[in-house]
Amino acid sequence: MMQKILKFIPAFPCVFKLVTNLYCPACGGTRAALAFLRLDFLTSLKCNPTFAYLVLIAGWLGIGALVRKTGKGTGEIFRFRMWMLYVGLAVFFGFGILRDIRLYFYHYDYLGDFY
């Protein structure tokens, strides 16, 4: 089944990676999504934890939408908050920077594209 899914995902080169020889913060996102679909959550987090964070926030907001739709309450706790965006940006850029530090200084390449 995964081969059928992979057939429809185009493989575009990462311009950031081609120019800088470092990973961009989004590199590994597709691999993270595919690992998540295989229920391999540890690999998904290793590839790019931003995807897991997006799934978590989407689920949280989806629960709020269901609560409001069913009329069981206001779902106020499940509404979008700005801290969700800030945490997401911190995860996105923080992981990208830490991964590139490990790649540049320690030659640790989990994704296997450089070494």
PDB file of N, CA and C in Angstrom:
ATOM      1  N   MET A   1       0.827  -1.194   0.000  1.00  0.00           N
ATOM      2  CA  MET A   1       0.000   0.000   0.000  1.00  0.00           C
ATOM      3  C   MET A   1       0.873   1.261   0.000  1.00  0.00           C
ATOM      4  N   MET A   2       1.997   1.194   0.737  1.00  0.00           N
ATOM      5  CA  MET A   2       2.869   2.372   0.801  1.00  0.00           C
ATOM      6  C   MET A   2       3.442   2.702  -0.569  1.00  0.00           C
ATOM      7  N   GLN A   3       3.688   1.696  -1.394  1.00  0.00           N
ATOM      8  CA  GLN A   3       4.216   1.954  -2.733  1.00  0.00           C
ATOM      9  C   GLN A   3       3.212   2.732  -3.577  1.00  0.00           C
ATOM     10  N   LYS A   4       1.931   2.459  -3.391  1.00  0.00           N
ATOM     11  CA  LYS A   4       0.907   3.211  -4.111  1.00  0.00           C
ATOM     12  C   LYS A   4       0.875   4.662  -3.669  1.00  0.00           C
ATOM     13  N   ILE A   5       1.054   4.897  -2.368  1.00  0.00           N
ATOM     14  CA  ILE A   5       1.082   6.269  -1.853  1.00  0.00           C
ATOM     15  C   ILE A   5       2.325   6.988  -2.347  1.00  0.00           C
ATOM     16  N   LEU A   6       3.473   6.310  -2.309  1.00  0.00           N
ATOM     17  CA  LEU A   6       4.731   6.929  -2.728  1.00  0.00           C
ATOM     18  C   LEU A   6       4.708   7.310  -4.206  1.00  0.00           C
ATOM     19  N   LYS A   7       3.942   6.586  -4.992  1.00  0.00           N
ATOM     20  CA  LYS A   7       3.871   6.852  -6.426  1.00  0.00           C
ATOM     21  C   LYS A   7       3.279   8.233  -6.708  1.00  0.00           C
ATOM     22  N   PHE A   8       2.414   8.729  -5.824  1.00  0.00           N
ATOM     23  CA  PHE A   8       1.736   9.997  -6.046  1.00  0.00           C
ATOM     24  C   PHE A   8       2.439  11.183  -5.391  1.00  0.00           C
ATOM     25  N   ILE A   9       3.490  10.943  -4.635  1.00  0.00           N
ATOM     26  CA  ILE A   9       4.220  12.024  -3.974  1.00  0.00           C
ATOM     27  C   ILE A   9       5.414  12.405  -4.844  1.00  0.00           C
ATOM     28  N   PRO A  10       5.411  13.605  -5.408  1.00  0.00           N
ATOM     29  CA  PRO A  10       6.546  13.992  -6.250  1.00  0.00           C
ATOM     30  C   PRO A  10       7.789  14.243  -5.408  1.00  0.00           C
ATOM     31  N   ALA A  11       8.936  13.958  -5.987  1.00  0.00           N
ATOM     32  CA  ALA A  11      10.210  14.136  -5.283  1.00  0.00           C
ATOM     33  C   ALA A  11      10.923  15.355  -5.861  1.00  0.00           C
ATOM     34  N   PHE A  12      10.674  16.508  -5.276  1.00  0.00           N
ATOM     35  CA  PHE A  12      11.340  17.731  -5.706  1.00  0.00           C
ATOM     36  C   PHE A  12      12.611  17.913  -4.888  1.00  0.00           C
ATOM     37  N   PRO A  13      13.687  18.368  -5.515  1.00  0.00           N
ATOM     38  CA  PRO A  13      14.900  18.604  -4.739  1.00  0.00           C
ATOM     39  C   PRO A  13      14.738  19.821  -3.831  1.00  0.00           C
ATOM     40  N   CYS A  14      15.383  19.768  -2.697  1.00  0.00           N
ATOM     41  CA  CYS A  14      15.347  20.881  -1.756  1.00  0.00           C
ATOM     42  C   CYS A  14      16.406  21.903  -2.177  1.00  0.00           C
ATOM     43  N   VAL A  15      15.977  23.088  -2.559  1.00  0.00           N
ATOM     44  CA  VAL A  15      16.898  24.119  -3.020  1.00  0.00           C
ATOM     45  C   VAL A  15      17.826  24.561  -1.896  1.00  0.00           C
ATOM     46  N   PHE A  16      17.310  24.678  -0.682  1.00  0.00           N
ATOM     47  CA  PHE A  16      18.128  25.058   0.474  1.00  0.00           C
ATOM     48  C   PHE A  16      19.275  24.066   0.662  1.00  0.00           C
ATOM     49  N   LYS A  17      18.946  22.776   0.553  1.00  0.00           N
ATOM     50  CA  LYS A  17      19.958  21.736   0.734  1.00  0.00           C
ATOM     51  C   LYS A  17      20.984  21.761  -0.403  1.00  0.00           C
ATOM     52  N   LEU A  18      20.536  22.035  -1.623  1.00  0.00           N
ATOM     53  CA  LEU A  18      21.453  22.096  -2.762  1.00  0.00           C
ATOM     54  C   LEU A  18      22.430  23.263  -2.646  1.00  0.00           C
ATOM     55  N   VAL A  19      21.961  24.390  -2.121  1.00  0.00           N
ATOM     56  CA  VAL A  19      22.792  25.590  -2.041  1.00  0.00           C
ATOM     57  C   VAL A  19      23.723  25.558  -0.834  1.00  0.00           C
ATOM     58  N   THR A  20      23.217  25.147   0.332  1.00  0.00           N
ATOM     59  CA  THR A  20      23.984  25.265   1.580  1.00  0.00           C
ATOM     60  C   THR A  20      24.647  23.965   2.038  1.00  0.00           C
ATOM     61  N   ASN A  21      24.273  22.832   1.444  1.00  0.00           N
ATOM     62  CA  ASN A  21      24.721  21.514   1.918  1.00  0.00           C
ATOM     63  C   ASN A  21      24.311  21.268   3.363  1.00  0.00           C
ATOM     64  N   LEU A  22      23.208  21.841   3.771  1.00  0.00           N
ATOM     65  CA  LEU A  22      22.585  21.601   5.071  1.00  0.00           C
ATOM     66  C   LEU A  22      21.115  21.298   4.828  1.00  0.00           C
ATOM     67  N   TYR A  23      20.485  20.711   5.822  1.00  0.00           N
ATOM     68  CA  TYR A  23      19.052  20.454   5.720  1.00  0.00           C
ATOM     69  C   TYR A  23      18.263  21.722   6.026  1.00  0.00           C
ATOM     70  N   CYS A  24      17.177  21.921   5.309  1.00  0.00           N
ATOM     71  CA  CYS A  24      16.264  22.997   5.680  1.00  0.00           C
ATOM     72  C   CYS A  24      15.392  22.474   6.822  1.00  0.00           C
ATOM     73  N   PRO A  25      14.709  23.338   7.550  1.00  0.00           N
ATOM     74  CA  PRO A  25      13.885  22.849   8.667  1.00  0.00           C
ATOM     75  C   PRO A  25      12.770  21.894   8.238  1.00  0.00           C
ATOM     76  N   ALA A  26      12.364  21.947   6.976  1.00  0.00           N
ATOM     77  CA  ALA A  26      11.273  21.083   6.515  1.00  0.00           C
ATOM     78  C   ALA A  26      11.758  19.743   5.976  1.00  0.00           C
ATOM     79  N   CYS A  27      13.061  19.588   5.761  1.00  0.00           N
ATOM     80  CA  CYS A  27      13.583  18.326   5.239  1.00  0.00           C
ATOM     81  C   CYS A  27      13.233  17.185   6.187  1.00  0.00           C
ATOM     82  N   GLY A  28      12.786  16.102   5.623  1.00  0.00           N
ATOM     83  CA  GLY A  28      12.379  14.949   6.416  1.00  0.00           C
ATOM     84  C   GLY A  28      10.896  14.950   6.729  1.00  0.00           C
ATOM     85  N   GLY A  29      10.184  15.979   6.301  1.00  0.00           N
ATOM     86  CA  GLY A  29       8.752  16.055   6.586  1.00  0.00           C
ATOM     87  C   GLY A  29       7.946  14.956   5.901  1.00  0.00           C
ATOM     88  N   THR A  30       8.264  14.675   4.643  1.00  0.00           N
ATOM     89  CA  THR A  30       7.563  13.612   3.934  1.00  0.00           C
ATOM     90  C   THR A  30       7.892  12.258   4.546  1.00  0.00           C
ATOM     91  N   ARG A  31       9.152  12.052   4.890  1.00  0.00           N
ATOM     92  CA  ARG A  31       9.538  10.793   5.550  1.00  0.00           C
ATOM     93  C   ARG A  31       8.844  10.651   6.896  1.00  0.00           C
ATOM     94  N   ALA A  32       8.705  11.776   7.610  1.00  0.00           N
ATOM     95  CA  ALA A  32       8.007  11.741   8.901  1.00  0.00           C
ATOM     96  C   ALA A  32       6.547  11.369   8.710  1.00  0.00           C
ATOM     97  N   ALA A  33       5.914  11.931   7.678  1.00  0.00           N
ATOM     98  CA  ALA A  33       4.503  11.624   7.414  1.00  0.00           C
ATOM     99  C   ALA A  33       4.323  10.158   7.036  1.00  0.00           C
ATOM    100  N   LEU A  34       5.206   9.638   6.200  1.00  0.00           N
ATOM    101  CA  LEU A  34       5.100   8.227   5.803  1.00  0.00           C
ATOM    102  C   LEU A  34       5.355   7.300   6.982  1.00  0.00           C
ATOM    103  N   ALA A  35       6.324   7.633   7.825  1.00  0.00           N
ATOM    104  CA  ALA A  35       6.571   6.821   9.024  1.00  0.00           C
ATOM    105  C   ALA A  35       5.375   6.882   9.966  1.00  0.00           C
ATOM    106  N   PHE A  36       4.753   8.046  10.070  1.00  0.00           N
ATOM    107  CA  PHE A  36       3.561   8.197  10.907  1.00  0.00           C
ATOM    108  C   PHE A  36       2.426   7.323  10.382  1.00  0.00           C
ATOM    109  N   LEU A  37       2.263   7.274   9.065  1.00  0.00           N
ATOM    110  CA  LEU A  37       1.222   6.431   8.469  1.00  0.00           C
ATOM    111  C   LEU A  37       1.503   4.947   8.700  1.00  0.00           C
ATOM    112  N   ARG A  38       2.775   4.567   8.819  1.00  0.00           N
ATOM    113  CA  ARG A  38       3.144   3.186   9.135  1.00  0.00           C
ATOM    114  C   ARG A  38       3.066   2.909  10.633  1.00  0.00           C
ATOM    115  N   LEU A  39       2.662   3.914  11.404  1.00  0.00           N
ATOM    116  CA  LEU A  39       2.574   3.838  12.865  1.00  0.00           C
ATOM    117  C   LEU A  39       3.949   3.661  13.506  1.00  0.00           C
ATOM    118  N   ASP A  40       4.980   4.138  12.837  1.00  0.00           N
ATOM    119  CA  ASP A  40       6.342   4.123  13.359  1.00  0.00           C
ATOM    120  C   ASP A  40       6.630   5.526  13.902  1.00  0.00           C
ATOM    121  N   PHE A  41       6.118   5.791  15.091  1.00  0.00           N
ATOM    122  CA  PHE A  41       6.137   7.145  15.637  1.00  0.00           C
ATOM    123  C   PHE A  41       7.549   7.615  16.010  1.00  0.00           C
ATOM    124  N   LEU A  42       8.400   6.729  16.461  1.00  0.00           N
ATOM    125  CA  LEU A  42       9.761   7.115  16.821  1.00  0.00           C
ATOM    126  C   LEU A  42      10.538   7.579  15.585  1.00  0.00           C
ATOM    127  N   THR A  43      10.419   6.845  14.499  1.00  0.00           N
ATOM    128  CA  THR A  43      11.078   7.258  13.256  1.00  0.00           C
ATOM    129  C   THR A  43      10.497   8.561  12.754  1.00  0.00           C
ATOM    130  N   SER A  44       9.202   8.728  12.892  1.00  0.00           N
ATOM    131  CA  SER A  44       8.574   9.979  12.479  1.00  0.00           C
ATOM    132  C   SER A  44       9.143  11.160  13.252  1.00  0.00           C
ATOM    133  N   LEU A  45       9.302  10.998  14.547  1.00  0.00           N
ATOM    134  CA  LEU A  45       9.878  12.074  15.361  1.00  0.00           C
ATOM    135  C   LEU A  45      11.337  12.330  15.009  1.00  0.00           C
ATOM    136  N   LYS A  46      12.087  11.285  14.700  1.00  0.00           N
ATOM    137  CA  LYS A  46      13.486  11.455  14.336  1.00  0.00           C
ATOM    138  C   LYS A  46      13.635  12.177  12.995  1.00  0.00           C
ATOM    139  N   CYS A  47      12.748  11.879  12.056  1.00  0.00           N
ATOM    140  CA  CYS A  47      12.833  12.521  10.738  1.00  0.00           C
ATOM    141  C   CYS A  47      12.491  13.999  10.827  1.00  0.00           C
ATOM    142  N   ASN A  48      11.390  14.328  11.449  1.00  0.00           N
ATOM    143  CA  ASN A  48      11.007  15.728  11.628  1.00  0.00           C
ATOM    144  C   ASN A  48       9.840  15.796  12.619  1.00  0.00           C
ATOM    145  N   PRO A  49      10.078  16.281  13.830  1.00  0.00           N
ATOM    146  CA  PRO A  49       9.016  16.308  14.839  1.00  0.00           C
ATOM    147  C   PRO A  49       7.922  17.329  14.561  1.00  0.00           C
ATOM    148  N   THR A  50       8.130  18.203  13.606  1.00  0.00           N
ATOM    149  CA  THR A  50       7.107  19.197  13.281  1.00  0.00           C
ATOM    150  C   THR A  50       5.830  18.526  12.800  1.00  0.00           C
ATOM    151  N   PHE A  51       5.960  17.429  12.057  1.00  0.00           N
ATOM    152  CA  PHE A  51       4.766  16.736  11.568  1.00  0.00           C
ATOM    153  C   PHE A  51       3.937  16.197  12.726  1.00  0.00           C
ATOM    154  N   ALA A  52       4.583  15.588  13.706  1.00  0.00           N
ATOM    155  CA  ALA A  52       3.854  15.064  14.866  1.00  0.00           C
ATOM    156  C   ALA A  52       3.166  16.192  15.626  1.00  0.00           C
ATOM    157  N   TYR A  53       3.835  17.345  15.722  1.00  0.00           N
ATOM    158  CA  TYR A  53       3.227  18.492  16.391  1.00  0.00           C
ATOM    159  C   TYR A  53       1.995  18.976  15.617  1.00  0.00           C
ATOM    160  N   LEU A  54       2.083  19.002  14.300  1.00  0.00           N
ATOM    161  CA  LEU A  54       0.932  19.416  13.492  1.00  0.00           C
ATOM    162  C   LEU A  54      -0.238  18.454  13.659  1.00  0.00           C
ATOM    163  N   VAL A  55       0.045  17.161  13.718  1.00  0.00           N
ATOM    164  CA  VAL A  55      -1.014  16.174  13.927  1.00  0.00           C
ATOM    165  C   VAL A  55      -1.658  16.372  15.300  1.00  0.00           C
ATOM    166  N   LEU A  56      -0.847  16.622  16.306  1.00  0.00           N
ATOM    167  CA  LEU A  56      -1.347  16.851  17.662  1.00  0.00           C
ATOM    168  C   LEU A  56      -2.258  18.080  17.710  1.00  0.00           C
ATOM    169  N   ILE A  57      -1.809  19.178  17.123  1.00  0.00           N
ATOM    170  CA  ILE A  57      -2.608  20.406  17.141  1.00  0.00           C
ATOM    171  C   ILE A  57      -3.872  20.245  16.307  1.00  0.00           C
ATOM    172  N   ALA A  58      -3.768  19.581  15.154  1.00  0.00           N
ATOM    173  CA  ALA A  58      -4.957  19.354  14.322  1.00  0.00           C
ATOM    174  C   ALA A  58      -5.978  18.499  15.071  1.00  0.00           C
ATOM    175  N   GLY A  59      -5.514  17.489  15.787  1.00  0.00           N
ATOM    176  CA  GLY A  59      -6.425  16.671  16.589  1.00  0.00           C
ATOM    177  C   GLY A  59      -7.079  17.470  17.695  1.00  0.00           C
ATOM    178  N   TRP A  60      -6.294  18.308  18.363  1.00  0.00           N
ATOM    179  CA  TRP A  60      -6.809  19.156  19.442  1.00  0.00           C
ATOM    180  C   TRP A  60      -7.897  20.099  18.919  1.00  0.00           C
ATOM    181  N   LEU A  61      -7.630  20.747  17.799  1.00  0.00           N
ATOM    182  CA  LEU A  61      -8.606  21.668  17.223  1.00  0.00           C
ATOM    183  C   LEU A  61      -9.808  20.915  16.657  1.00  0.00           C
ATOM    184  N   GLY A  62      -9.568  19.699  16.145  1.00  0.00           N
ATOM    185  CA  GLY A  62     -10.672  18.886  15.645  1.00  0.00           C
ATOM    186  C   GLY A  62     -11.628  18.461  16.753  1.00  0.00           C
ATOM    187  N   ILE A  63     -11.071  18.128  17.912  1.00  0.00           N
ATOM    188  CA  ILE A  63     -11.921  17.794  19.064  1.00  0.00           C
ATOM    189  C   ILE A  63     -12.772  19.000  19.446  1.00  0.00           C
ATOM    190  N   GLY A  64     -12.166  20.174  19.434  1.00  0.00           N
ATOM    191  CA  GLY A  64     -12.923  21.390  19.743  1.00  0.00           C
ATOM    192  C   GLY A  64     -14.042  21.637  18.762  1.00  0.00           C
ATOM    193  N   ALA A  65     -13.773  21.386  17.482  1.00  0.00           N
ATOM    194  CA  ALA A  65     -14.822  21.562  16.470  1.00  0.00           C
ATOM    195  C   ALA A  65     -15.962  20.576  16.692  1.00  0.00           C
ATOM    196  N   LEU A  66     -15.629  19.342  17.065  1.00  0.00           N
ATOM    197  CA  LEU A  66     -16.683  18.352  17.343  1.00  0.00           C
ATOM    198  C   LEU A  66     -17.504  18.727  18.566  1.00  0.00           C
ATOM    199  N   VAL A  67     -16.833  19.229  19.596  1.00  0.00           N
ATOM    200  CA  VAL A  67     -17.544  19.633  20.812  1.00  0.00           C
ATOM    201  C   VAL A  67     -18.512  20.769  20.494  1.00  0.00           C
ATOM    202  N   ARG A  68     -18.053  21.735  19.729  1.00  0.00           N
ATOM    203  CA  ARG A  68     -18.933  22.857  19.372  1.00  0.00           C
ATOM    204  C   ARG A  68     -20.063  22.408  18.452  1.00  0.00           C
ATOM    205  N   LYS A  69     -19.768  21.479  17.548  1.00  0.00           N
ATOM    206  CA  LYS A  69     -20.768  21.021  16.586  1.00  0.00           C
ATOM    207  C   LYS A  69     -21.874  20.209  17.260  1.00  0.00           C
ATOM    208  N   THR A  70     -21.493  19.410  18.259  1.00  0.00           N
ATOM    209  CA  THR A  70     -22.495  18.585  18.934  1.00  0.00           C
ATOM    210  C   THR A  70     -23.311  19.367  19.946  1.00  0.00           C
ATOM    211  N   GLY A  71     -22.852  20.560  20.289  1.00  0.00           N
ATOM    212  CA  GLY A  71     -23.595  21.372  21.241  1.00  0.00           C
ATOM    213  C   GLY A  71     -23.399  20.945  22.678  1.00  0.00           C
ATOM    214  N   LYS A  72     -22.381  20.137  22.950  1.00  0.00           N
ATOM    215  CA  LYS A  72     -22.125  19.655  24.310  1.00  0.00           C
ATOM    216  C   LYS A  72     -21.385  20.688  25.152  1.00  0.00           C
ATOM    217  N   GLY A  73     -21.015  21.776  24.562  1.00  0.00           N
ATOM    218  CA  GLY A  73     -20.302  22.820  25.285  1.00  0.00           C
ATOM    219  C   GLY A  73     -19.747  23.832  24.300  1.00  0.00           C
ATOM    220  N   THR A  74     -19.051  24.796  24.837  1.00  0.00           N
ATOM    221  CA  THR A  74     -18.497  25.828  23.971  1.00  0.00           C
ATOM    222  C   THR A  74     -17.180  25.391  23.352  1.00  0.00           C
ATOM    223  N   GLY A  75     -16.492  24.433  23.952  1.00  0.00           N
ATOM    224  CA  GLY A  75     -15.203  23.995  23.439  1.00  0.00           C
ATOM    225  C   GLY A  75     -14.154  25.081  23.507  1.00  0.00           C
ATOM    226  N   GLU A  76     -14.309  25.987  24.448  1.00  0.00           N
ATOM    227  CA  GLU A  76     -13.403  27.135  24.547  1.00  0.00           C
ATOM    228  C   GLU A  76     -11.950  26.706  24.754  1.00  0.00           C
ATOM    229  N   ILE A  77     -11.740  25.642  25.511  1.00  0.00           N
ATOM    230  CA  ILE A  77     -10.372  25.203  25.777  1.00  0.00           C
ATOM    231  C   ILE A  77      -9.706  24.652  24.514  1.00  0.00           C
ATOM    232  N   PHE A  78     -10.503  24.227  23.536  1.00  0.00           N
ATOM    233  CA  PHE A  78      -9.966  23.627  22.322  1.00  0.00           C
ATOM    234  C   PHE A  78      -9.759  24.621  21.186  1.00  0.00           C
ATOM    235  N   ARG A  79      -9.911  25.907  21.433  1.00  0.00           N
ATOM    236  CA  ARG A  79      -9.730  26.906  20.380  1.00  0.00           C
ATOM    237  C   ARG A  79      -8.252  27.173  20.134  1.00  0.00           C
ATOM    238  N   PHE A  80      -7.969  27.702  18.950  1.00  0.00           N
ATOM    239  CA  PHE A  80      -6.594  28.035  18.590  1.00  0.00           C
ATOM    240  C   PHE A  80      -6.081  29.154  19.484  1.00  0.00           C
ATOM    241  N   ARG A  81      -4.854  29.008  19.928  1.00  0.00           N
ATOM    242  CA  ARG A  81      -4.181  30.032  20.735  1.00  0.00           C
ATOM    243  C   ARG A  81      -2.858  30.370  20.063  1.00  0.00           C
ATOM    244  N   MET A  82      -2.403  31.573  20.245  1.00  0.00           N
ATOM    245  CA  MET A  82      -1.164  32.007  19.610  1.00  0.00           C
ATOM    246  C   MET A  82       0.044  31.215  20.106  1.00  0.00           C
ATOM    247  N   TRP A  83       0.014  30.729  21.336  1.00  0.00           N
ATOM    248  CA  TRP A  83       1.146  29.958  21.840  1.00  0.00           C
ATOM    249  C   TRP A  83       1.339  28.696  21.014  1.00  0.00           C
ATOM    250  N   MET A  84       0.268  28.168  20.409  1.00  0.00           N
ATOM    251  CA  MET A  84       0.389  26.984  19.561  1.00  0.00           C
ATOM    252  C   MET A  84       1.262  27.285  18.340  1.00  0.00           C
ATOM    253  N   LEU A  85       1.070  28.461  17.774  1.00  0.00           N
ATOM    254  CA  LEU A  85       1.890  28.882  16.646  1.00  0.00           C
ATOM    255  C   LEU A  85       3.335  29.079  17.070  1.00  0.00           C
ATOM    256  N   TYR A  86       3.556  29.732  18.205  1.00  0.00           N
ATOM    257  CA  TYR A  86       4.908  29.990  18.675  1.00  0.00           C
ATOM    258  C   TYR A  86       5.656  28.698  18.995  1.00  0.00           C
ATOM    259  N   VAL A  87       4.983  27.759  19.626  1.00  0.00           N
ATOM    260  CA  VAL A  87       5.609  26.470  19.926  1.00  0.00           C
ATOM    261  C   VAL A  87       5.921  25.734  18.625  1.00  0.00           C
ATOM    262  N   GLY A  88       5.000  25.787  17.683  1.00  0.00           N
ATOM    263  CA  GLY A  88       5.234  25.150  16.391  1.00  0.00           C
ATOM    264  C   GLY A  88       6.435  25.736  15.664  1.00  0.00           C
ATOM    265  N   LEU A  89       6.560  27.043  15.681  1.00  0.00           N
ATOM    266  CA  LEU A  89       7.712  27.686  15.048  1.00  0.00           C
ATOM    267  C   LEU A  89       9.004  27.336  15.776  1.00  0.00           C
ATOM    268  N   ALA A  90       8.943  27.264  17.104  1.00  0.00           N
ATOM    269  CA  ALA A  90      10.130  26.887  17.882  1.00  0.00           C
ATOM    270  C   ALA A  90      10.558  25.454  17.568  1.00  0.00           C
ATOM    271  N   VAL A  91       9.597  24.552  17.455  1.00  0.00           N
ATOM    272  CA  VAL A  91       9.908  23.164  17.104  1.00  0.00           C
ATOM    273  C   VAL A  91      10.490  23.114  15.691  1.00  0.00           C
ATOM    274  N   PHE A  92       9.868  23.830  14.761  1.00  0.00           N
ATOM    275  CA  PHE A  92      10.287  23.823  13.363  1.00  0.00           C
ATOM    276  C   PHE A  92      11.721  24.321  13.207  1.00  0.00           C
ATOM    277  N   PHE A  93      11.988  25.530  13.695  1.00  0.00           N
ATOM    278  CA  PHE A  93      13.322  26.104  13.517  1.00  0.00           C
ATOM    279  C   PHE A  93      14.344  25.515  14.494  1.00  0.00           C
ATOM    280  N   GLY A  94      13.919  25.215  15.708  1.00  0.00           N
ATOM    281  CA  GLY A  94      14.830  24.645  16.684  1.00  0.00           C
ATOM    282  C   GLY A  94      15.355  23.290  16.239  1.00  0.00           C
ATOM    283  N   PHE A  95      14.470  22.436  15.765  1.00  0.00           N
ATOM    284  CA  PHE A  95      14.910  21.131  15.284  1.00  0.00           C
ATOM    285  C   PHE A  95      15.810  21.284  14.060  1.00  0.00           C
ATOM    286  N   GLY A  96      15.447  22.199  13.160  1.00  0.00           N
ATOM    287  CA  GLY A  96      16.281  22.416  11.976  1.00  0.00           C
ATOM    288  C   GLY A  96      17.686  22.855  12.331  1.00  0.00           C
ATOM    289  N   ILE A  97      17.799  23.753  13.285  1.00  0.00           N
ATOM    290  CA  ILE A  97      19.124  24.235  13.703  1.00  0.00           C
ATOM    291  C   ILE A  97      19.906  23.126  14.408  1.00  0.00           C
ATOM    292  N   LEU A  98      19.271  22.415  15.335  1.00  0.00           N
ATOM    293  CA  LEU A  98      19.972  21.340  16.050  1.00  0.00           C
ATOM    294  C   LEU A  98      20.407  20.216  15.106  1.00  0.00           C
ATOM    295  N   ARG A  99      19.561  19.885  14.143  1.00  0.00           N
ATOM    296  CA  ARG A  99      19.926  18.837  13.187  1.00  0.00           C
ATOM    297  C   ARG A  99      21.127  19.265  12.341  1.00  0.00           C
ATOM    298  N   ASP A 100      21.151  20.534  11.928  1.00  0.00           N
ATOM    299  CA  ASP A 100      22.275  21.008  11.123  1.00  0.00           C
ATOM    300  C   ASP A 100      23.554  21.133  11.937  1.00  0.00           C
ATOM    301  N   ILE A 101      23.446  21.450  13.220  1.00  0.00           N
ATOM    302  CA  ILE A 101      24.639  21.466  14.081  1.00  0.00           C
ATOM    303  C   ILE A 101      25.222  20.057  14.177  1.00  0.00           C
ATOM    304  N   ARG A 102      24.346  19.080  14.383  1.00  0.00           N
ATOM    305  CA  ARG A 102      24.830  17.695  14.438  1.00  0.00           C
ATOM    306  C   ARG A 102      25.425  17.264  13.105  1.00  0.00           C
ATOM    307  N   LEU A 103      24.847  17.710  12.008  1.00  0.00           N
ATOM    308  CA  LEU A 103      25.360  17.350  10.691  1.00  0.00           C
ATOM    309  C   LEU A 103      26.707  18.008  10.422  1.00  0.00           C
ATOM    310  N   TYR A 104      26.821  19.294  10.682  1.00  0.00           N
ATOM    311  CA  TYR A 104      28.014  20.057  10.325  1.00  0.00           C
ATOM    312  C   TYR A 104      29.206  19.736  11.233  1.00  0.00           C
ATOM    313  N   PHE A 105      28.970  19.702  12.525  1.00  0.00           N
ATOM    314  CA  PHE A 105      30.080  19.520  13.461  1.00  0.00           C
ATOM    315  C   PHE A 105      30.393  18.059  13.781  1.00  0.00           C
ATOM    316  N   TYR A 106      29.378  17.209  13.825  1.00  0.00           N
ATOM    317  CA  TYR A 106      29.573  15.827  14.256  1.00  0.00           C
ATOM    318  C   TYR A 106      29.352  14.804  13.148  1.00  0.00           C
ATOM    319  N   HIS A 107      29.005  15.252  11.953  1.00  0.00           N
ATOM    320  CA  HIS A 107      28.760  14.385  10.793  1.00  0.00           C
ATOM    321  C   HIS A 107      27.723  13.307  11.101  1.00  0.00           C
ATOM    322  N   TYR A 108      26.733  13.681  11.912  1.00  0.00           N
ATOM    323  CA  TYR A 108      25.635  12.768  12.222  1.00  0.00           C
ATOM    324  C   TYR A 108      24.479  13.085  11.277  1.00  0.00           C
ATOM    325  N   ASP A 109      24.190  12.150  10.398  1.00  0.00           N
ATOM    326  CA  ASP A 109      23.155  12.355   9.385  1.00  0.00           C
ATOM    327  C   ASP A 109      22.122  11.245   9.473  1.00  0.00           C
ATOM    328  N   TYR A 110      21.075  11.465  10.259  1.00  0.00           N
ATOM    329  CA  TYR A 110      20.059  10.431  10.445  1.00  0.00           C
ATOM    330  C   TYR A 110      19.334  10.141   9.146  1.00  0.00           C
ATOM    331  N   LEU A 111      19.057  11.158   8.347  1.00  0.00           N
ATOM    332  CA  LEU A 111      18.312  10.957   7.108  1.00  0.00           C
ATOM    333  C   LEU A 111      19.154  10.268   6.033  1.00  0.00           C
ATOM    334  N   GLY A 112      20.477  10.374   6.140  1.00  0.00           N
ATOM    335  CA  GLY A 112      21.358   9.655   5.233  1.00  0.00           C
ATOM    336  C   GLY A 112      21.532  10.281   3.862  1.00  0.00           C
ATOM    337  N   ASP A 113      21.278  11.547   3.717  1.00  0.00           N
ATOM    338  CA  ASP A 113      21.417  12.189   2.414  1.00  0.00           C
ATOM    339  C   ASP A 113      22.822  12.723   2.150  1.00  0.00           C
ATOM    340  N   PHE A 114      23.628  12.911   3.188  1.00  0.00           N
ATOM    341  CA  PHE A 114      24.949  13.494   2.997  1.00  0.00           C
ATOM    342  C   PHE A 114      26.084  12.518   3.266  1.00  0.00           C
ATOM    343  N   TYR A 115      25.985  11.715   4.306  1.00  0.00           N
ATOM    344  CA  TYR A 115      27.076  10.815   4.670  1.00  0.00           C
ATOM    345  C   TYR A 115      26.636   9.377   4.591  1.00  0.00           C
TER     346      TYR A 115
END
